[in-house]
Amino acid sequence: MTWRDAAALAARGLVRRIGRAILTVLAVALATALLVGLLTIADTARTRILSQLSKGGPLASIRVTDSSSSPLDQEDVRRIQGLVDVQSVVPVMAVRQLVVPSNPPVYQASSTSIPGSTPAVPRLSRSFVDTVVGADVSQADRLPITLLAGRLPASDSLTEVAVTKGYLQRVGLDARDPVPVLGSEVVLGSPRRFLVGGDDQVRGRWTRAVVVGVVAQDAENGDLLAPIAYTRQAAAFADGAVALGAPARDGAEYSTILVVADGLDAIAPVRSRLEALGLSTSAPENLIASVQRYLHVVEIVLAGIGLIALIIAAIGIANAMLAAVRERRREIGVLKAIGARDRDVLRVFLLEASVIGVTGGIVGVAAGWMLARSVAVVVNGYLTGQGLTGVSVGAPVLILLGGLGGAILLSILAGTYPAVRAARLPAREAVSVG
């Protein structure tokens, strides 16, 4: 018997029992979809998060903080840049400001300028004191900053800011809907103390800025984010002033310096070198290590669930194949009577199992990938609502090919015992079955 003849017999056997074949294929497809979907989700958690961290990024950064004994300045930045295994150095400057939002604190078309008309001046609502965080926003991908709506301020702008959900809550807006605040104006005041005739006088430097974005940021405590050029000017004006809510620190140019190491393995050595320079540091090393361990456990658990599903499907395949052998004993006897060998019969039934495995594997791999994508949409919606960065699900080739290959292999293994029983069935006994 040729391979072509064996394939034709296998196809005919499947078509004659199409209902059973479809149910068996669905069992394999569901098991494969579960395995591929779970492994894809686990792989996404590992590769899209931890792999990005291992290449350097916001969560792989070391925070160098200011202290009263050693204020941070540009010289510290230069020293840190000269260290080994340092990918980037991003200084952060925080200044206390008087914040006066517009009233209402949302964008209104009536407050915009119309050609040939006098620009409208928005009414100002109750003011409050807050911190404006200044950073090089052109390096936002290396900062713990997530854009929630709008855009980031231009890196050289002195009149654009982004605000956090904390700002929205302070001005009475719904933090779940940040869009209305985009385009609104806010007035920022920098104080400075003057000594005039023996009397202290405080004057202010006022800046009208436009809210261009809403962010979640952890670079420094503060509800407003601005280019560092703005905070430099504000700090220069307020030099020698009494800061709002906190005393000014003479000579401290930066409040924080974020140092991004070349990878996760470089965090500890870089941190040691920074401390050797007398700098105070903090890094989420223990958190990252714990996340790695937990993700590994999750991968094992999810893979185990998928394998259990495949084993259950394999049992279903074996049961369906055994039933087919019992129903086709006469056909097997006829094949042997006309010269078919044991290995020819074995080949027919293994081909049937392979077809079930291939079909179920293809359908299952596609369904599993779609399942992972659907879960990612739901998870991204939640993460975005919490102000966190979402993740994207790619097409992990090894998992997809492994799921298909596993479905085929398991189907063949499950069909081996029924095929061997069919091959060893004596021709006289098979033909005599009535």
Protein backbone atom coordinates (compact mmCIF):
# COMPACT_ATOMS: atom_id res chain seq x y z
CA MET A 1 0.00 0.00 0.00
CA THR A 2 1.38 3.38 -1.01
CA TRP A 3 1.24 6.57 1.06
CA ARG A 4 -1.34 7.92 -1.40
CA ASP A 5 -3.60 4.92 -0.85
CA ALA A 6 -3.19 5.19 2.92
CA ALA A 7 -4.06 8.91 2.83
CA ALA A 8 -7.17 8.20 0.74
CA LEU A 9 -8.35 5.52 3.20
CA ALA A 10 -7.69 7.81 6.15
CA ALA A 11 -9.66 10.65 4.53
CA ARG A 12 -12.53 8.34 3.72
CA GLY A 13 -12.61 7.08 7.29
CA LEU A 14 -12.80 10.64 8.64
CA VAL A 15 -15.49 11.70 6.17
CA ARG A 16 -17.66 8.67 6.94
CA ARG A 17 -17.66 9.67 10.63
CA ILE A 18 -17.58 13.43 10.10
CA GLY A 19 -19.48 14.29 13.30
CA ARG A 20 -17.05 12.41 15.53
CA ALA A 21 -14.08 13.82 13.61
CA ILE A 22 -15.30 17.41 14.03
CA LEU A 23 -15.85 16.96 17.76
CA THR A 24 -12.39 15.44 18.15
CA VAL A 25 -10.82 18.29 16.16
CA LEU A 26 -12.66 20.81 18.35
CA ALA A 27 -11.32 19.12 21.48
CA VAL A 28 -7.77 19.42 20.16
CA ALA A 29 -8.38 22.99 19.02
CA LEU A 30 -9.74 24.07 22.41
CA ALA A 31 -6.83 22.50 24.27
CA THR A 32 -4.29 24.04 21.89
CA ALA A 33 -6.00 27.44 22.10
CA LEU A 34 -5.84 27.33 25.88
CA LEU A 35 -2.17 26.36 25.89
CA VAL A 36 -1.14 28.91 23.25
CA GLY A 37 -3.24 31.68 24.78
CA LEU A 38 -1.90 31.18 28.29
CA LEU A 39 1.71 30.86 27.15
CA THR A 40 1.39 33.94 24.94
CA ILE A 41 0.06 35.96 27.86
CA ALA A 42 2.89 34.74 30.08
CA ASP A 43 5.45 35.43 27.35
CA THR A 44 4.08 38.94 26.92
CA ALA A 45 4.42 39.62 30.63
CA ARG A 46 8.02 38.45 30.52
CA THR A 47 9.31 39.78 27.21
CA ARG A 48 7.36 43.03 26.97
CA ILE A 49 8.05 44.07 30.53
CA LEU A 50 11.14 42.38 31.90
CA SER A 51 13.00 42.33 28.61
CA GLN A 52 12.43 46.06 28.22
CA LEU A 53 13.70 46.54 31.74
CA SER A 54 16.78 44.46 31.01
CA LYS A 55 17.64 46.85 28.17
CA GLY A 56 17.28 49.86 30.43
CA GLY A 57 14.26 52.01 31.04
CA PRO A 58 12.29 53.93 33.66
CA LEU A 59 11.81 51.01 36.04
CA ALA A 60 15.45 50.01 35.63
CA SER A 61 16.60 53.43 36.78
CA ILE A 62 18.42 54.47 39.92
CA ARG A 63 17.15 57.53 41.72
CA VAL A 64 19.87 59.83 43.05
CA THR A 65 18.31 62.17 45.60
CA ASP A 66 19.39 65.44 47.08
CA SER A 67 20.54 65.84 50.67
CA SER A 68 21.29 68.83 52.83
CA SER A 69 24.98 67.92 53.00
CA SER A 70 25.52 67.33 49.28
CA PRO A 71 23.12 69.26 46.99
CA LEU A 72 22.96 68.02 43.42
CA ASP A 73 24.33 70.16 40.60
CA GLN A 74 25.67 69.91 37.07
CA GLU A 75 29.00 68.66 38.35
CA ASP A 76 27.24 65.60 39.81
CA VAL A 77 25.64 64.99 36.41
CA ARG A 78 29.05 65.03 34.72
CA ARG A 79 30.53 62.67 37.30
CA ILE A 80 27.67 60.21 36.92
CA GLN A 81 27.89 60.29 33.11
CA GLY A 82 31.50 59.18 33.37
CA LEU A 83 30.65 55.98 35.25
CA VAL A 84 30.74 52.55 33.62
CA ASP A 85 27.44 50.85 32.65
CA VAL A 86 25.46 54.11 32.73
CA GLN A 87 23.10 54.38 29.76
CA SER A 88 21.69 57.84 30.41
CA VAL A 89 21.47 60.53 33.07
CA VAL A 90 18.33 62.67 33.33
CA PRO A 91 18.29 65.47 35.91
CA VAL A 92 14.99 66.56 37.44
CA MET A 93 14.32 69.97 38.99
CA ALA A 94 11.30 70.66 41.18
CA VAL A 95 10.16 74.18 42.11
CA ARG A 96 7.28 75.28 44.30
CA GLN A 97 4.84 77.55 42.48
CA LEU A 98 1.62 79.40 43.07
CA VAL A 99 -0.84 77.74 40.69
CA VAL A 100 -3.89 79.69 39.50
CA PRO A 101 -6.09 77.60 37.17
CA SER A 102 -8.64 79.25 34.89
CA ASN A 103 -12.26 79.33 35.98
CA PRO A 104 -13.72 77.01 34.86
CA PRO A 105 -10.50 74.96 34.68
CA VAL A 106 -11.28 73.53 31.24
CA TYR A 107 -10.70 74.61 27.68
CA GLN A 108 -13.38 76.93 26.29
CA ALA A 109 -13.48 78.04 22.68
CA SER A 110 -14.77 81.46 23.74
CA SER A 111 -11.47 82.20 25.48
CA THR A 112 -9.41 81.77 22.33
CA SER A 113 -8.33 84.65 20.16
CA ILE A 114 -10.35 85.48 17.05
CA PRO A 115 -8.65 87.41 14.24
CA GLY A 116 -9.54 91.07 14.52
CA SER A 117 -10.91 90.76 18.04
CA THR A 118 -9.53 91.42 21.50
CA PRO A 119 -8.18 88.23 23.12
CA ALA A 120 -10.43 87.06 25.91
CA VAL A 121 -8.93 86.92 29.37
CA PRO A 122 -10.20 83.90 31.31
CA ARG A 123 -11.37 84.36 34.85
CA LEU A 124 -9.09 82.87 37.48
CA SER A 125 -10.24 80.36 40.07
CA ARG A 126 -8.93 79.79 43.57
CA SER A 127 -5.16 79.35 43.67
CA PHE A 128 -3.10 76.75 45.45
CA VAL A 129 0.56 75.93 45.97
CA ASP A 130 2.03 72.94 44.16
CA THR A 131 5.29 71.64 42.74
CA VAL A 132 6.21 72.00 39.09
CA VAL A 133 8.47 69.13 38.04
CA GLY A 134 11.00 70.07 35.37
CA ALA A 135 12.67 67.42 33.22
CA ASP A 136 14.04 66.91 29.75
CA VAL A 137 10.77 65.77 28.18
CA SER A 138 12.58 64.81 24.98
CA GLN A 139 13.85 61.81 27.00
CA ALA A 140 10.40 60.87 28.30
CA ASP A 141 10.97 57.24 27.30
CA ARG A 142 13.71 57.10 29.95
CA LEU A 143 11.60 58.74 32.61
CA PRO A 144 8.77 57.31 34.72
CA ILE A 145 6.24 59.31 32.71
CA THR A 146 3.14 57.93 30.99
CA LEU A 147 1.09 60.10 28.65
CA LEU A 148 -2.63 59.67 29.31
CA ALA A 149 -4.09 62.34 27.03
CA GLY A 150 -2.87 65.08 24.72
CA ARG A 151 0.89 65.42 24.29
CA LEU A 152 3.98 66.30 26.26
CA PRO A 153 5.20 69.90 26.35
CA ALA A 154 7.75 70.88 23.73
CA SER A 155 11.23 70.42 25.17
CA ASP A 156 12.15 74.10 24.68
CA SER A 157 8.78 75.62 25.59
CA LEU A 158 8.35 78.02 28.51
CA THR A 159 4.57 78.24 28.20
CA GLU A 160 3.42 74.61 28.02
CA VAL A 161 2.79 72.20 30.87
CA ALA A 162 1.28 68.78 31.45
CA VAL A 163 -0.76 67.98 34.54
CA THR A 164 -1.47 64.83 36.52
CA LYS A 165 -4.74 63.35 37.74
CA GLY A 166 -3.93 64.95 41.08
CA TYR A 167 -4.26 68.36 39.42
CA LEU A 168 -7.62 67.37 37.93
CA GLN A 169 -8.88 66.38 41.36
CA ARG A 170 -7.63 69.64 42.91
CA VAL A 171 -9.53 71.75 40.39
CA GLY A 172 -12.68 69.63 40.68
CA LEU A 173 -12.52 67.70 37.40
CA ASP A 174 -13.23 64.03 36.79
CA ALA A 175 -9.86 62.24 36.74
CA ARG A 176 -11.37 59.52 34.54
CA ASP A 177 -11.99 62.03 31.75
CA PRO A 178 -8.83 64.14 31.32
CA VAL A 179 -9.60 65.47 27.83
CA PRO A 180 -11.61 68.62 28.83
CA VAL A 181 -8.60 70.14 30.60
CA LEU A 182 -6.48 70.07 27.43
CA GLY A 183 -5.99 73.55 26.05
CA SER A 184 -6.97 75.30 29.27
CA GLU A 185 -4.71 77.94 30.77
CA VAL A 186 -2.96 78.07 34.12
CA VAL A 187 -1.02 80.95 35.66
CA LEU A 188 2.15 80.04 37.54
CA GLY A 189 3.76 82.39 40.02
CA SER A 190 7.39 82.32 41.21
CA PRO A 191 8.06 84.32 44.41
CA ARG A 192 11.17 86.29 45.28
CA ARG A 193 11.99 88.12 48.49
CA PHE A 194 13.49 91.60 48.30
CA LEU A 195 14.92 93.67 51.10
CA VAL A 196 13.73 97.25 50.61
CA GLY A 197 14.58 99.81 53.30
CA GLY A 198 14.94 97.11 55.91
CA ASP A 199 11.53 95.65 55.06
CA ASP A 200 10.95 92.29 53.39
CA GLN A 201 8.89 92.44 50.22
CA VAL A 202 7.85 89.56 48.01
CA ARG A 203 7.39 89.97 44.30
CA GLY A 204 6.29 87.39 41.78
CA ARG A 205 7.20 86.31 38.29
CA TRP A 206 4.00 85.28 36.53
CA THR A 207 3.79 82.90 33.59
CA ARG A 208 0.66 82.00 31.62
CA ALA A 209 0.94 78.39 30.42
CA VAL A 210 -1.28 76.09 28.38
CA VAL A 211 -2.13 72.59 29.54
CA VAL A 212 -1.18 70.38 26.57
CA GLY A 213 -1.28 66.95 28.18
CA VAL A 214 -2.27 64.78 31.12
CA VAL A 215 0.36 62.40 32.47
CA ALA A 216 1.11 59.94 35.22
CA GLN A 217 4.61 60.62 36.47
CA ASP A 218 6.88 59.47 39.26
CA ALA A 219 9.95 61.55 38.47
CA GLU A 220 9.27 63.79 41.48
CA ASN A 221 6.35 64.71 43.71
CA GLY A 222 4.27 67.32 41.89
CA ASP A 223 1.08 67.74 39.89
CA LEU A 224 2.56 69.75 36.99
CA LEU A 225 5.23 68.70 34.50
CA ALA A 226 7.18 71.28 32.51
CA PRO A 227 10.35 71.36 30.40
CA ILE A 228 13.41 71.80 32.60
CA ALA A 229 14.10 75.13 30.87
CA TYR A 230 11.04 76.58 32.63
CA THR A 231 12.00 75.35 36.09
CA ARG A 232 15.56 76.65 35.59
CA GLN A 233 14.21 80.13 34.91
CA ALA A 234 11.77 79.92 37.83
CA ALA A 235 14.53 78.75 40.19
CA ALA A 236 16.89 81.48 38.97
CA PHE A 237 14.26 84.14 39.66
CA ALA A 238 13.43 82.74 43.08
CA ASP A 239 17.08 82.49 44.10
CA GLY A 240 17.28 83.65 47.68
CA ALA A 241 13.49 83.58 48.09
CA VAL A 242 11.47 81.83 50.72
CA ALA A 243 9.99 78.87 48.89
CA LEU A 244 6.28 78.25 49.21
CA GLY A 245 5.91 75.58 51.86
CA ALA A 246 9.61 74.64 51.92
CA PRO A 247 12.83 76.58 52.49
CA ALA A 248 15.06 77.22 49.50
CA ARG A 249 18.24 75.14 49.31
CA ASP A 250 21.15 77.26 48.22
CA GLY A 251 23.31 75.70 45.54
CA ALA A 252 20.95 72.78 44.84
CA GLU A 253 20.34 72.84 41.10
CA TYR A 254 18.51 69.51 40.84
CA SER A 255 16.18 67.76 43.25
CA THR A 256 16.67 64.33 41.68
CA ILE A 257 18.89 62.70 39.08
CA LEU A 258 17.55 59.59 37.36
CA VAL A 259 20.33 57.26 36.25
CA VAL A 260 19.41 54.51 33.78
CA ALA A 261 21.77 51.54 33.85
CA ASP A 262 22.63 49.45 30.80
CA GLY A 263 20.49 46.59 32.12
CA LEU A 264 19.07 44.87 35.16
CA ASP A 265 22.38 43.19 35.91
CA ALA A 266 24.12 46.56 35.92
CA ILE A 267 21.85 48.21 38.50
CA ALA A 268 23.72 46.93 41.57
CA PRO A 269 27.24 47.79 40.29
CA VAL A 270 26.16 51.26 39.14
CA ARG A 271 24.44 51.90 42.45
CA SER A 272 27.62 50.92 44.31
CA ARG A 273 29.67 53.33 42.20
CA LEU A 274 27.18 56.12 42.87
CA GLU A 275 27.32 55.53 46.61
CA ALA A 276 31.11 55.54 46.40
CA LEU A 277 30.77 59.11 45.12
CA GLY A 278 28.86 59.99 48.27
CA LEU A 279 25.43 60.13 46.59
CA SER A 280 22.18 58.89 48.10
CA THR A 281 20.50 56.30 45.86
CA SER A 282 17.43 54.11 45.65
CA ALA A 283 16.44 51.50 43.07
CA PRO A 284 13.64 48.92 42.71
CA GLU A 285 16.04 45.96 42.61
CA ASN A 286 14.14 43.84 45.11
CA LEU A 287 10.84 44.62 43.41
CA ILE A 288 12.17 43.61 40.00
CA ALA A 289 13.65 40.37 41.37
CA SER A 290 10.36 39.52 43.04
CA VAL A 291 8.45 40.24 39.83
CA GLN A 292 10.78 37.92 37.91
CA ARG A 293 10.23 35.10 40.40
CA TYR A 294 6.47 35.50 40.41
CA LEU A 295 6.31 35.66 36.62
CA HIS A 296 8.30 32.43 36.41
CA VAL A 297 5.82 30.75 38.76
CA VAL A 298 2.92 32.08 36.68
CA GLU A 299 4.52 30.69 33.51
CA ILE A 300 4.83 27.25 35.09
CA VAL A 301 1.22 27.29 36.33
CA LEU A 302 -0.21 28.48 33.01
CA ALA A 303 1.85 25.96 31.03
CA GLY A 304 0.67 23.20 33.39
CA ILE A 305 -2.98 24.15 32.84
CA GLY A 306 -2.48 24.09 29.07
CA LEU A 307 -0.74 20.71 29.18
CA ILE A 308 -3.55 19.24 31.27
CA ALA A 309 -6.01 20.44 28.64
CA LEU A 310 -3.95 18.80 25.90
CA ILE A 311 -3.78 15.52 27.82
CA ILE A 312 -7.57 15.54 28.21
CA ALA A 313 -7.86 16.14 24.46
CA ALA A 314 -5.43 13.28 23.83
CA ILE A 315 -7.63 10.96 25.87
CA GLY A 316 -10.56 12.04 23.72
CA ILE A 317 -8.59 11.28 20.56
CA ALA A 318 -7.62 7.83 21.85
CA ASN A 319 -11.22 7.07 22.75
CA ALA A 320 -12.49 8.20 19.33
CA MET A 321 -9.80 6.14 17.55
CA LEU A 322 -10.58 3.02 19.61
CA ALA A 323 -14.25 3.39 18.70
CA ALA A 324 -13.26 3.72 15.04
CA VAL A 325 -11.20 0.53 15.27
CA ARG A 326 -14.14 -1.40 16.72
CA GLU A 327 -16.48 -0.10 14.04
CA ARG A 328 -14.06 -0.82 11.17
CA ARG A 329 -12.94 -4.33 12.09
CA ARG A 330 -14.48 -5.77 8.91
CA GLU A 331 -12.79 -3.08 6.78
CA ILE A 332 -9.46 -3.90 8.43
CA GLY A 333 -9.98 -7.59 7.78
CA VAL A 334 -10.75 -6.96 4.11
CA LEU A 335 -7.59 -4.85 3.74
CA LYS A 336 -5.48 -7.61 5.23
CA ALA A 337 -7.23 -10.25 3.14
CA ILE A 338 -6.24 -8.43 -0.08
CA GLY A 339 -2.62 -8.08 1.00
CA ALA A 340 -2.36 -5.11 3.33
CA ARG A 341 0.37 -5.52 5.93
CA ASP A 342 0.24 -4.58 9.59
CA ARG A 343 2.31 -1.46 8.97
CA ASP A 344 -0.09 -0.40 6.19
CA VAL A 345 -3.05 -0.49 8.58
CA LEU A 346 -0.95 1.27 11.22
CA ARG A 347 -0.13 3.98 8.69
CA VAL A 348 -3.81 4.58 7.86
CA PHE A 349 -4.84 5.14 11.46
CA LEU A 350 -1.80 7.27 12.29
CA LEU A 351 -2.60 9.45 9.28
CA GLU A 352 -6.12 9.93 10.61
CA ALA A 353 -4.71 10.98 13.98
CA SER A 354 -2.26 13.33 12.24
CA VAL A 355 -5.03 15.00 10.24
CA ILE A 356 -6.98 15.56 13.44
CA GLY A 357 -3.88 16.97 15.12
CA VAL A 358 -2.95 19.26 12.22
CA THR A 359 -6.48 20.62 11.78
CA GLY A 360 -7.10 21.04 15.49
CA GLY A 361 -3.63 22.53 15.97
CA ILE A 362 -4.06 25.17 13.25
CA VAL A 363 -7.50 26.18 14.51
CA GLY A 364 -6.30 26.14 18.12
CA VAL A 365 -3.17 28.22 17.47
CA ALA A 366 -5.23 30.88 15.69
CA ALA A 367 -7.86 30.88 18.42
CA GLY A 368 -5.23 31.00 21.17
CA TRP A 369 -3.50 34.01 19.62
CA MET A 370 -6.85 35.79 19.22
CA LEU A 371 -7.66 34.94 22.85
CA ALA A 372 -4.39 36.50 24.00
CA ARG A 373 -5.07 39.62 21.92
CA SER A 374 -8.56 39.94 23.42
CA VAL A 375 -7.19 39.63 26.95
CA ALA A 376 -4.56 42.27 26.11
CA VAL A 377 -7.28 44.72 25.03
CA VAL A 378 -9.07 44.32 28.38
CA VAL A 379 -5.83 44.55 30.37
CA ASN A 380 -4.64 47.62 28.44
CA GLY A 381 -7.95 49.33 29.12
CA TYR A 382 -7.47 48.75 32.83
CA LEU A 383 -3.81 49.81 32.84
CA THR A 384 -4.54 52.99 30.90
CA GLY A 385 -7.35 53.82 33.30
CA GLN A 386 -4.87 53.46 36.17
CA GLY A 387 -2.35 55.71 34.47
CA LEU A 388 0.05 52.88 33.65
CA THR A 389 1.73 51.86 30.43
CA GLY A 390 -0.09 49.20 28.43
CA VAL A 391 1.45 46.15 26.80
CA SER A 392 1.17 44.87 23.26
CA VAL A 393 0.84 41.23 22.28
CA GLY A 394 3.02 40.18 19.40
CA ALA A 395 3.11 36.88 17.56
CA PRO A 396 5.56 34.65 19.48
CA VAL A 397 6.67 32.32 16.67
CA LEU A 398 8.16 29.67 18.96
CA ILE A 399 4.96 29.40 21.00
CA LEU A 400 2.75 29.27 17.92
CA LEU A 401 4.91 26.63 16.24
CA GLY A 402 5.27 24.78 19.53
CA GLY A 403 1.50 24.71 20.00
CA LEU A 404 0.96 23.35 16.50
CA GLY A 405 3.74 20.79 16.84
CA GLY A 406 2.51 19.76 20.28
CA ALA A 407 -1.03 19.21 19.02
CA ILE A 408 0.21 17.05 16.14
CA LEU A 409 2.62 15.05 18.30
CA LEU A 410 0.06 14.46 21.03
CA SER A 411 -2.55 13.39 18.48
CA ILE A 412 -0.14 10.87 16.96
CA LEU A 413 0.80 9.54 20.40
CA ALA A 414 -2.87 9.30 21.37
CA GLY A 415 -3.66 7.45 18.15
CA THR A 416 -0.72 5.04 18.40
CA TYR A 417 -2.36 2.52 20.72
CA PRO A 418 -5.61 2.27 18.70
CA ALA A 419 -3.55 2.05 15.50
CA VAL A 420 -1.40 -0.76 16.92
CA ARG A 421 -4.53 -2.66 17.98
CA ALA A 422 -5.96 -2.26 14.49
CA ALA A 423 -2.70 -3.41 12.87
CA ARG A 424 -2.46 -6.52 15.06
CA LEU A 425 -6.07 -7.55 14.43
CA PRO A 426 -6.04 -10.98 12.71
CA ALA A 427 -7.65 -10.89 9.26
CA ARG A 428 -9.79 -14.00 9.86
CA GLU A 429 -11.17 -12.60 13.14
CA ALA A 430 -11.85 -9.23 11.57
CA VAL A 431 -13.68 -10.60 8.57
CA SER A 432 -15.77 -12.99 10.70
CA VAL A 433 -17.19 -10.09 12.75
CA GLY A 434 -20.75 -9.70 11.60
